[in-house]
Amino acid sequence: MTKSNEFLKKHALLCRENDSIGKPLFNEYGVKKGLRDEKGEGVLTGLTNISSIKAFEFEEGEKIPCDGELLYRGYDVKDMIKASAGNRFVFEEAAYLLLFGALPTADELMDFKEALNELMRLPSNFTRDVIMKAASGDVMNSMTRSILTLASYDSSKDDLSIENVLRQSMGLISVFPMLAVYAYHAYNHYERDDSMYIHRPDPALSTSENFLRMLRPDMKYSELEAEVLDICLLLHMEHGGGNNSTFTTRVVTSAGTDTYSAIAAAMSSLKGKKHGGANLQVINMMDDVKAHVTDYHDEEEISAYLRKILRKEAYDGKGLIYGMGHAVYSLSDPRERVLKGFVEMLADEKGRGDDMALYNNIEKAAPVLIAEERHIYKGVSPNVDFYSGFIYDMLDIPGELFTPLFAIARIVGWSAHRLEELVTTDKIIRPAYKSLVSKNEYIPMDARK
């Protein structure tokens, strides 16, 4: 063992010893761990006009679980998807709504798209000199490095005027698909020794179309593939101000930092396994289920294995059925409800009927088993991550791009919240921590043991 390794092993024990705080103390001082109370409800830390989430209704003062709703600036996402079906892509329309607070007219939407297209370019040699350097399978880290490097090319980086921050935000929204796909191709080439191809985006196409165009060697995709990905991006672009990465955006923004730093901070939050990587966890779990279940249509066989997972006797030993349950929603996640219909259409087009049957059977069995094993009877339902990973898999999108796809969508919500924070608030966000430190007398060096 080297000296550094020996030092780290010894002093890690000191960290565990000196940084440990007993759980009863949190209750004693009324501290809400994770900014959530004993019932799991978030501590109110701000106000927003950007989106709202409905999971309960109140009748005569009683809180009653209900089917979930997700509203962007007051408009139900389900209505937006229904209105756009078959005649236009909806991601850009929803982006306009979140950023500016109103549904665009046809002319306003065209002007917005043209502005995004004009910003859809990287600095000269940026792909070669930045993205292709130090390629990594951690595409989120690669993207974050690119975001921070882009600041070096912006002479107005520190200008916090709304017009300038809007320009920066729209610029990042435009180039995020390029940052993600090009970083993946660099990794696939340099680390996997595979062929590399860099396709430029087509200004005439939507965000979902350009993503598939840049990702695939032949640049081809079906209309349904692009439509389903467009819906996924819409459903992931915003989810209230309390989610970890959006709250991070607002906290860092309140400090007066530049746009690139604020979005880089949000990226660092989103890549955390407890936040943006949930759909990949579902895919990994499903691969394990497929390896241990012989008949995807046999509900009893599937239930038996899921029970083993819950009892920590199978899969990763954590006792979780990933993709089930949500911190906010109770009876249903509206995003999952919307996605399921598109999943079924895509599964039919791709010949993945057996896999669809497996997902359906798990969706049916898991809530019952969780209620029995965990004694949770308030209702457990699948969340958006239950199906989104399956969609990406059917679209032949590699796992390394699952969380980056989340970022490509959520950059819109982050930008809207950054703008709202700059317009509305003039105070740095600074919550309090109760100190448990007691004063010690300083010990001279030669008296220390």
Protein backbone atom coordinates (compact mmCIF):
# COMPACT_ATOMS: atom_id res chain seq x y z
CA MET A 1 0.00 0.00 0.00
CA THR A 2 1.36 3.42 -0.96
CA LYS A 3 1.64 6.21 1.58
CA SER A 4 -1.18 8.14 -0.03
CA ASN A 5 -3.48 5.11 0.00
CA GLU A 6 -2.62 4.41 3.63
CA PHE A 7 -3.30 8.05 4.51
CA LEU A 8 -6.66 8.03 2.71
CA LYS A 9 -7.80 4.79 4.33
CA LYS A 10 -6.93 6.06 7.81
CA HIS A 11 -8.42 9.50 7.37
CA ALA A 12 -11.60 8.28 5.72
CA LEU A 13 -12.36 6.72 9.10
CA LEU A 14 -11.87 10.12 10.70
CA CYS A 15 -14.36 11.64 8.27
CA ARG A 16 -16.94 8.98 9.10
CA GLU A 17 -16.38 9.48 12.82
CA ASN A 18 -16.32 13.28 12.94
CA ASP A 19 -18.94 14.00 10.28
CA SER A 20 -21.58 11.60 11.60
CA ILE A 21 -24.72 13.25 13.00
CA GLY A 22 -27.32 11.10 14.74
CA LYS A 23 -30.77 10.98 13.17
CA PRO A 24 -32.62 11.91 16.41
CA LEU A 25 -30.90 15.32 16.38
CA PHE A 26 -32.62 16.25 13.13
CA ASN A 27 -36.02 15.72 14.75
CA GLU A 28 -34.91 17.47 17.95
CA TYR A 29 -34.02 20.65 16.08
CA GLY A 30 -36.87 20.44 13.57
CA VAL A 31 -34.52 20.03 10.61
CA LYS A 32 -36.19 18.73 7.43
CA LYS A 33 -33.66 16.38 5.89
CA GLY A 34 -33.58 16.75 2.13
CA LEU A 35 -35.87 19.78 2.58
CA ARG A 36 -38.76 17.35 2.96
CA ASP A 37 -41.00 16.92 5.99
CA GLU A 38 -42.00 13.70 7.72
CA LYS A 39 -44.77 13.11 5.16
CA GLY A 40 -42.36 13.53 2.27
CA GLU A 41 -43.68 16.93 1.22
CA GLY A 42 -41.17 19.54 0.10
CA VAL A 43 -40.40 22.52 2.33
CA LEU A 44 -41.67 25.68 0.65
CA THR A 45 -38.63 27.69 -0.48
CA GLY A 46 -39.93 29.85 -3.30
CA LEU A 47 -42.69 30.86 -5.72
CA THR A 48 -42.88 30.19 -9.45
CA ASN A 49 -45.14 30.87 -12.43
CA ILE A 50 -43.43 28.34 -14.67
CA SER A 51 -45.09 24.99 -13.95
CA SER A 52 -47.24 23.18 -11.44
CA ILE A 53 -47.70 19.59 -10.35
CA LYS A 54 -50.96 18.22 -9.02
CA ALA A 55 -51.02 14.96 -7.07
CA PHE A 56 -53.78 15.56 -4.51
CA GLU A 57 -57.14 17.25 -4.16
CA PHE A 58 -58.63 18.76 -1.01
CA GLU A 59 -62.21 18.03 0.00
CA GLU A 60 -63.49 19.56 3.25
CA GLY A 61 -59.92 19.98 4.44
CA GLU A 62 -58.98 16.38 3.68
CA LYS A 63 -56.08 15.61 1.34
CA ILE A 64 -57.16 13.01 -1.22
CA PRO A 65 -54.82 11.37 -3.79
CA CYS A 66 -55.78 11.97 -7.43
CA ASP A 67 -54.43 11.29 -10.89
CA GLY A 68 -51.43 13.50 -11.50
CA GLU A 69 -51.37 16.61 -13.66
CA LEU A 70 -48.41 18.53 -15.06
CA LEU A 71 -49.07 22.08 -16.22
CA TYR A 72 -46.65 24.28 -18.14
CA ARG A 73 -47.56 27.93 -17.48
CA GLY A 74 -51.05 26.64 -16.63
CA TYR A 75 -51.48 24.49 -19.74
CA ASP A 76 -51.85 20.72 -19.35
CA VAL A 77 -49.07 18.89 -21.21
CA LYS A 78 -51.61 16.28 -22.32
CA ASP A 79 -53.60 18.97 -24.14
CA MET A 80 -50.46 20.27 -25.84
CA ILE A 81 -49.57 16.79 -27.08
CA LYS A 82 -53.11 16.08 -28.24
CA ALA A 83 -53.31 19.37 -30.16
CA SER A 84 -49.99 18.81 -31.93
CA ALA A 85 -50.47 15.14 -32.80
CA GLY A 86 -49.83 14.43 -36.45
CA ASN A 87 -49.32 18.04 -37.55
CA ARG A 88 -46.24 19.46 -35.79
CA PHE A 89 -43.48 18.76 -33.29
CA VAL A 90 -44.25 20.19 -29.87
CA PHE A 91 -40.88 20.59 -28.10
CA GLU A 92 -40.09 24.01 -29.56
CA GLU A 93 -43.63 25.26 -28.92
CA ALA A 94 -43.41 24.20 -25.28
CA ALA A 95 -39.96 25.79 -24.99
CA TYR A 96 -41.39 29.12 -26.14
CA LEU A 97 -44.21 28.75 -23.60
CA LEU A 98 -41.88 28.04 -20.68
CA LEU A 99 -39.43 30.79 -21.54
CA PHE A 100 -41.91 33.56 -22.31
CA GLY A 101 -45.07 32.56 -20.44
CA ALA A 102 -47.51 32.45 -23.38
CA LEU A 103 -48.42 30.08 -26.19
CA PRO A 104 -46.87 31.35 -29.43
CA THR A 105 -48.79 32.29 -32.54
CA ALA A 106 -47.71 30.60 -35.76
CA ASP A 107 -45.55 33.61 -36.64
CA GLU A 108 -44.02 33.83 -33.16
CA LEU A 109 -43.17 30.13 -33.21
CA MET A 110 -41.55 30.50 -36.64
CA ASP A 111 -39.49 33.48 -35.43
CA PHE A 112 -38.44 31.51 -32.32
CA LYS A 113 -37.34 28.51 -34.40
CA GLU A 114 -35.39 30.77 -36.76
CA ALA A 115 -33.63 32.38 -33.78
CA LEU A 116 -32.77 28.94 -32.38
CA ASN A 117 -31.48 27.84 -35.78
CA GLU A 118 -29.29 30.92 -36.05
CA LEU A 119 -27.73 30.03 -32.68
CA MET A 120 -27.30 26.36 -33.61
CA ARG A 121 -23.56 26.52 -34.24
CA LEU A 122 -20.40 25.90 -32.28
CA PRO A 123 -17.26 28.08 -32.43
CA SER A 124 -14.70 27.24 -35.13
CA ASN A 125 -12.84 23.99 -34.40
CA PHE A 126 -14.74 23.58 -31.09
CA THR A 127 -15.75 20.01 -31.93
CA ARG A 128 -12.16 19.04 -32.70
CA ASP A 129 -10.38 21.04 -30.00
CA VAL A 130 -12.80 20.56 -27.09
CA ILE A 131 -15.33 17.77 -27.60
CA MET A 132 -12.92 15.30 -29.20
CA LYS A 133 -10.31 15.79 -26.48
CA ALA A 134 -10.27 13.43 -23.47
CA ALA A 135 -13.27 11.44 -24.74
CA SER A 136 -15.26 9.70 -22.01
CA GLY A 137 -18.25 7.43 -21.62
CA ASP A 138 -19.49 9.94 -19.04
CA VAL A 139 -21.14 12.17 -21.62
CA MET A 140 -22.63 14.40 -18.94
CA ASN A 141 -19.14 15.33 -17.76
CA SER A 142 -18.04 15.91 -21.35
CA MET A 143 -21.01 18.18 -21.95
CA THR A 144 -20.36 20.12 -18.74
CA ARG A 145 -16.77 20.72 -19.80
CA SER A 146 -18.01 21.98 -23.17
CA ILE A 147 -20.54 24.29 -21.51
CA LEU A 148 -17.89 25.90 -19.34
CA THR A 149 -15.52 26.19 -22.30
CA LEU A 150 -18.20 27.96 -24.36
CA ALA A 151 -18.04 30.75 -21.78
CA SER A 152 -14.53 31.52 -23.02
CA TYR A 153 -15.98 32.40 -26.43
CA ASP A 154 -18.62 34.78 -25.02
CA SER A 155 -17.37 38.35 -24.56
CA SER A 156 -20.60 39.17 -22.68
CA LYS A 157 -20.36 36.17 -20.36
CA ASP A 158 -20.97 38.15 -17.17
CA ASP A 159 -23.73 40.42 -18.49
CA LEU A 160 -26.82 39.52 -16.42
CA SER A 161 -29.30 41.58 -18.41
CA ILE A 162 -32.38 39.56 -19.32
CA GLU A 163 -31.76 40.04 -23.04
CA ASN A 164 -28.22 38.67 -22.77
CA VAL A 165 -29.13 35.78 -20.46
CA LEU A 166 -31.94 34.89 -22.88
CA ARG A 167 -29.43 34.88 -25.76
CA GLN A 168 -27.11 32.61 -23.80
CA SER A 169 -29.95 30.31 -22.75
CA MET A 170 -31.32 29.94 -26.27
CA GLY A 171 -27.79 29.33 -27.53
CA LEU A 172 -27.31 26.46 -25.07
CA ILE A 173 -30.76 25.02 -25.86
CA SER A 174 -29.76 25.01 -29.54
CA VAL A 175 -26.35 23.35 -29.17
CA PHE A 176 -27.10 20.84 -26.39
CA PRO A 177 -27.99 18.03 -28.87
CA MET A 178 -24.67 18.61 -30.67
CA LEU A 179 -22.69 18.61 -27.42
CA ALA A 180 -24.28 15.32 -26.39
CA VAL A 181 -24.15 13.40 -29.67
CA TYR A 182 -20.66 14.56 -30.66
CA ALA A 183 -19.32 13.66 -27.20
CA TYR A 184 -20.79 10.19 -27.56
CA HIS A 185 -19.29 9.72 -31.03
CA ALA A 186 -15.87 10.79 -29.71
CA TYR A 187 -16.15 8.21 -26.92
CA ASN A 188 -17.38 5.54 -29.32
CA HIS A 189 -14.41 6.19 -31.60
CA TYR A 190 -11.52 6.75 -29.20
CA GLU A 191 -12.57 4.40 -26.38
CA ARG A 192 -14.43 1.69 -28.32
CA ASP A 193 -12.33 1.83 -31.47
CA ASP A 194 -15.42 2.25 -33.65
CA SER A 195 -16.06 4.47 -36.65
CA MET A 196 -16.78 8.15 -36.08
CA TYR A 197 -19.06 10.42 -38.05
CA ILE A 198 -20.02 14.00 -37.34
CA HIS A 199 -23.26 15.07 -39.00
CA ARG A 200 -24.22 18.71 -38.87
CA PRO A 201 -27.77 19.53 -37.72
CA ASP A 202 -30.29 20.62 -40.32
CA PRO A 203 -31.87 23.99 -39.43
CA ALA A 204 -35.10 22.90 -41.09
CA LEU A 205 -35.60 20.01 -38.65
CA SER A 206 -36.93 19.79 -35.10
CA THR A 207 -34.77 19.05 -32.07
CA SER A 208 -35.82 15.38 -31.98
CA GLU A 209 -35.21 14.94 -35.71
CA ASN A 210 -31.78 16.51 -35.49
CA PHE A 211 -30.82 14.34 -32.54
CA LEU A 212 -31.63 11.16 -34.47
CA ARG A 213 -30.05 12.55 -37.64
CA MET A 214 -26.77 13.32 -35.88
CA LEU A 215 -26.71 10.07 -33.92
CA ARG A 216 -27.26 7.57 -36.73
CA PRO A 217 -24.69 6.71 -39.41
CA ASP A 218 -27.25 6.95 -42.21
CA MET A 219 -29.07 9.97 -40.68
CA LYS A 220 -32.39 8.16 -41.23
CA TYR A 221 -35.36 7.82 -38.88
CA SER A 222 -39.09 7.17 -39.14
CA GLU A 223 -41.77 9.77 -38.54
CA LEU A 224 -42.99 7.84 -35.50
CA GLU A 225 -39.49 7.64 -34.02
CA ALA A 226 -39.03 11.41 -34.22
CA GLU A 227 -42.54 12.04 -32.87
CA VAL A 228 -42.07 9.77 -29.85
CA LEU A 229 -38.69 11.31 -29.01
CA ASP A 230 -40.26 14.78 -29.36
CA ILE A 231 -42.90 13.79 -26.78
CA CYS A 232 -40.21 12.46 -24.44
CA LEU A 233 -38.34 15.76 -24.64
CA LEU A 234 -41.53 17.71 -23.94
CA LEU A 235 -42.34 15.63 -20.86
CA HIS A 236 -38.83 15.94 -19.42
CA MET A 237 -38.26 19.67 -20.00
CA GLU A 238 -39.74 20.95 -16.73
CA HIS A 239 -41.03 19.61 -13.42
CA GLY A 240 -41.37 22.42 -10.90
CA GLY A 241 -38.73 24.42 -9.07
CA GLY A 242 -38.11 21.88 -6.33
CA ASN A 243 -36.36 19.12 -8.25
CA ASN A 244 -32.66 18.97 -7.42
CA SER A 245 -31.16 20.30 -10.65
CA THR A 246 -33.69 23.12 -11.06
CA PHE A 247 -33.26 24.18 -7.45
CA THR A 248 -29.50 24.08 -8.04
CA THR A 249 -29.99 26.42 -11.00
CA ARG A 250 -31.90 28.89 -8.85
CA VAL A 251 -29.44 28.69 -5.95
CA VAL A 252 -26.42 29.32 -8.17
CA THR A 253 -28.26 32.00 -10.14
CA SER A 254 -29.08 33.84 -6.91
CA ALA A 255 -25.34 34.13 -6.25
CA GLY A 256 -24.99 36.29 -9.38
CA THR A 257 -22.97 33.85 -11.46
CA ASP A 258 -22.97 33.60 -15.26
CA THR A 259 -25.30 31.42 -17.32
CA TYR A 260 -22.65 28.86 -18.29
CA SER A 261 -21.68 28.25 -14.66
CA ALA A 262 -25.32 28.00 -13.56
CA ILE A 263 -26.15 25.42 -16.23
CA ALA A 264 -22.94 23.49 -15.53
CA ALA A 265 -24.00 23.27 -11.88
CA ALA A 266 -27.42 21.97 -12.95
CA MET A 267 -25.72 19.36 -15.14
CA SER A 268 -23.66 18.19 -12.18
CA SER A 269 -26.86 17.73 -10.20
CA LEU A 270 -28.78 15.96 -12.96
CA LYS A 271 -26.07 13.34 -13.55
CA GLY A 272 -26.45 12.11 -9.97
CA LYS A 273 -27.84 8.57 -9.71
CA LYS A 274 -30.62 9.77 -7.45
CA HIS A 275 -31.83 12.26 -10.06
CA GLY A 276 -31.29 11.87 -13.80
CA GLY A 277 -30.12 8.28 -14.14
CA ALA A 278 -33.36 6.57 -13.14
CA ASN A 279 -34.40 5.40 -16.63
CA LEU A 280 -31.07 3.60 -17.09
CA GLN A 281 -31.65 1.87 -13.75
CA VAL A 282 -34.99 0.62 -15.09
CA ILE A 283 -33.32 -0.75 -18.22
CA ASN A 284 -30.64 -2.53 -16.16
CA MET A 285 -33.31 -4.04 -13.91
CA MET A 286 -35.36 -5.14 -16.91
CA ASP A 287 -32.30 -6.86 -18.40
CA ASP A 288 -31.95 -8.77 -15.14
CA VAL A 289 -35.64 -9.72 -15.12
CA LYS A 290 -35.36 -10.96 -18.71
CA ALA A 291 -32.40 -13.13 -17.70
CA HIS A 292 -34.43 -14.83 -14.95
CA VAL A 293 -37.96 -14.97 -16.37
CA THR A 294 -38.63 -17.43 -19.18
CA ASP A 295 -42.16 -16.40 -20.18
CA TYR A 296 -42.86 -12.66 -20.44
CA HIS A 297 -46.59 -13.43 -20.50
CA ASP A 298 -46.61 -15.51 -17.30
CA GLU A 299 -47.85 -13.18 -14.57
CA GLU A 300 -47.12 -15.63 -11.76
CA GLU A 301 -43.51 -16.21 -12.81
CA ILE A 302 -42.94 -12.47 -13.17
CA SER A 303 -44.53 -11.72 -9.78
CA ALA A 304 -42.41 -14.36 -8.08
CA TYR A 305 -39.20 -12.81 -9.33
CA LEU A 306 -40.31 -9.26 -8.53
CA ARG A 307 -41.01 -10.41 -4.98
CA LYS A 308 -37.43 -11.68 -4.77
CA ILE A 309 -36.20 -8.26 -5.87
CA LEU A 310 -38.30 -6.56 -3.19
CA ARG A 311 -36.95 -8.94 -0.56
CA LYS A 312 -33.37 -8.12 -1.62
CA GLU A 313 -32.86 -11.70 -2.79
CA ALA A 314 -32.34 -10.77 -6.44
CA TYR A 315 -30.89 -8.13 -8.77
CA ASP A 316 -28.89 -5.44 -6.93
CA GLY A 317 -29.95 -6.31 -3.40
CA LYS A 318 -31.50 -2.90 -2.73
CA GLY A 319 -35.09 -4.11 -2.64
CA LEU A 320 -36.36 -1.62 -5.22
CA ILE A 321 -38.44 -2.04 -8.34
CA TYR A 322 -37.10 0.86 -10.35
CA GLY A 323 -39.59 3.01 -12.22
CA MET A 324 -42.27 2.54 -9.57
CA GLY A 325 -43.44 5.37 -7.35
CA HIS A 326 -42.70 9.08 -7.29
CA ALA A 327 -41.77 11.64 -4.63
CA VAL A 328 -44.72 13.87 -5.60
CA TYR A 329 -47.35 11.95 -7.58
CA SER A 330 -49.70 9.54 -5.83
CA LEU A 331 -52.16 7.67 -8.04
CA SER A 332 -50.44 8.27 -11.36
CA ASP A 333 -47.63 10.14 -13.10
CA PRO A 334 -49.26 12.02 -16.02
CA ARG A 335 -46.04 11.75 -18.02
CA GLU A 336 -46.12 7.96 -17.82
CA ARG A 337 -49.80 7.93 -18.82
CA VAL A 338 -48.98 9.94 -21.94
CA LEU A 339 -45.90 7.93 -22.84
CA LYS A 340 -47.53 4.53 -22.59
CA GLY A 341 -49.65 5.00 -25.71
CA PHE A 342 -46.60 6.03 -27.73
CA VAL A 343 -44.57 3.15 -26.29
CA GLU A 344 -47.15 0.68 -27.54
CA MET A 345 -47.11 2.19 -31.05
CA LEU A 346 -43.32 2.14 -31.18
CA ALA A 347 -43.15 -1.41 -29.82
CA ASP A 348 -45.52 -2.49 -32.57
CA GLU A 349 -43.39 -0.79 -35.25
CA LYS A 350 -40.20 -2.32 -33.85
CA GLY A 351 -41.58 -5.85 -33.32
CA ARG A 352 -41.06 -5.65 -29.55
CA GLY A 353 -44.45 -7.06 -28.54
CA ASP A 354 -43.01 -9.56 -26.04
CA ASP A 355 -41.04 -6.85 -24.28
CA MET A 356 -44.19 -4.70 -24.17
CA ALA A 357 -46.03 -7.60 -22.54
CA LEU A 358 -43.31 -7.84 -19.89
CA TYR A 359 -43.57 -4.14 -19.11
CA ASN A 360 -47.36 -4.36 -18.92
CA ASN A 361 -47.20 -7.31 -16.53
CA ILE A 362 -44.66 -5.61 -14.29
CA GLU A 363 -46.75 -2.43 -14.27
CA LYS A 364 -49.73 -4.55 -13.18
CA ALA A 365 -47.95 -6.66 -10.56
CA ALA A 366 -45.46 -4.26 -8.97
CA PRO A 367 -47.91 -1.95 -7.13
CA VAL A 368 -49.65 -4.93 -5.54
CA LEU A 369 -46.38 -6.55 -4.47
CA ILE A 370 -44.96 -3.28 -3.12
CA ALA A 371 -48.12 -2.74 -1.07
CA GLU A 372 -47.82 -6.25 0.38
CA GLU A 373 -44.08 -6.22 1.05
CA ARG A 374 -43.73 -2.61 2.20
CA HIS A 375 -47.19 -2.16 3.71
CA ILE A 376 -47.69 0.90 1.54
CA TYR A 377 -51.35 1.33 0.71
CA LYS A 378 -51.53 4.96 -0.44
CA GLY A 379 -50.98 3.82 -4.01
CA VAL A 380 -47.84 3.16 -6.02
CA SER A 381 -47.80 3.72 -9.76
CA PRO A 382 -45.19 3.70 -12.53
CA ASN A 383 -43.34 6.96 -13.13
CA VAL A 384 -42.05 8.48 -16.38
CA ASP A 385 -38.74 6.60 -16.09
CA PHE A 386 -40.49 3.23 -16.26
CA TYR A 387 -41.09 3.62 -19.99
CA SER A 388 -38.66 6.32 -21.16
CA GLY A 389 -35.66 3.98 -21.03
CA PHE A 390 -37.59 1.39 -23.04
CA ILE A 391 -38.34 4.05 -25.65
CA TYR A 392 -34.68 5.04 -25.90
CA ASP A 393 -33.72 1.39 -26.22
CA MET A 394 -36.20 0.91 -29.08
CA LEU A 395 -34.76 4.02 -30.73
CA ASP A 396 -31.28 2.41 -30.56
CA ILE A 397 -30.04 5.24 -28.36
CA PRO A 398 -27.04 4.05 -26.31
CA GLY A 399 -27.26 4.12 -22.52
CA GLU A 400 -24.51 6.73 -22.36
CA LEU A 401 -26.98 9.21 -23.87
CA PHE A 402 -30.00 8.52 -21.63
CA THR A 403 -29.20 11.19 -19.02
CA PRO A 404 -27.84 13.64 -21.65
CA LEU A 405 -31.22 13.37 -23.39
CA PHE A 406 -32.82 14.37 -20.11
CA ALA A 407 -30.49 17.39 -20.07
CA ILE A 408 -31.35 18.30 -23.68
CA ALA A 409 -34.95 18.64 -22.52
CA ARG A 410 -34.43 20.06 -19.02
CA ILE A 411 -32.14 22.88 -20.19
CA VAL A 412 -35.37 24.65 -21.17
CA GLY A 413 -36.80 24.44 -17.66
CA TRP A 414 -33.48 25.44 -16.10
CA SER A 415 -33.32 28.48 -18.38
CA ALA A 416 -36.89 29.52 -17.54
CA HIS A 417 -36.19 29.26 -13.81
CA ARG A 418 -32.91 31.17 -14.16
CA LEU A 419 -34.72 34.00 -15.91
CA GLU A 420 -37.50 34.01 -13.31
CA GLU A 421 -34.92 34.10 -10.48
CA LEU A 422 -33.14 37.06 -12.09
CA VAL A 423 -36.37 38.98 -12.72
CA THR A 424 -38.05 38.26 -9.38
CA THR A 425 -35.45 37.81 -6.68
CA ASP A 426 -32.60 40.00 -5.51
CA LYS A 427 -31.44 37.91 -2.55
CA ILE A 428 -28.89 35.13 -2.50
CA ILE A 429 -30.43 31.83 -1.41
CA ARG A 430 -28.84 31.03 1.91
CA PRO A 431 -30.66 28.53 4.17
CA ALA A 432 -29.49 28.04 7.75
CA TYR A 433 -27.69 25.05 9.26
CA LYS A 434 -27.85 24.44 13.00
CA SER A 435 -24.29 24.16 14.29
CA LEU A 436 -23.54 21.36 16.75
CA VAL A 437 -20.00 22.60 17.32
CA SER A 438 -18.82 23.25 20.89
CA LYS A 439 -15.87 25.52 21.56
CA ASN A 440 -12.48 23.83 22.13
CA GLU A 441 -9.31 25.23 23.64
CA TYR A 442 -6.50 25.33 21.09
CA ILE A 443 -3.87 22.64 21.67
CA PRO A 444 -0.23 23.47 20.91
CA MET A 445 1.48 21.17 18.43
CA ASP A 446 3.82 19.53 20.95
CA ALA A 447 0.91 18.73 23.29
CA ARG A 448 -1.23 16.87 20.73
CA LYS A 449 -1.48 13.09 20.85
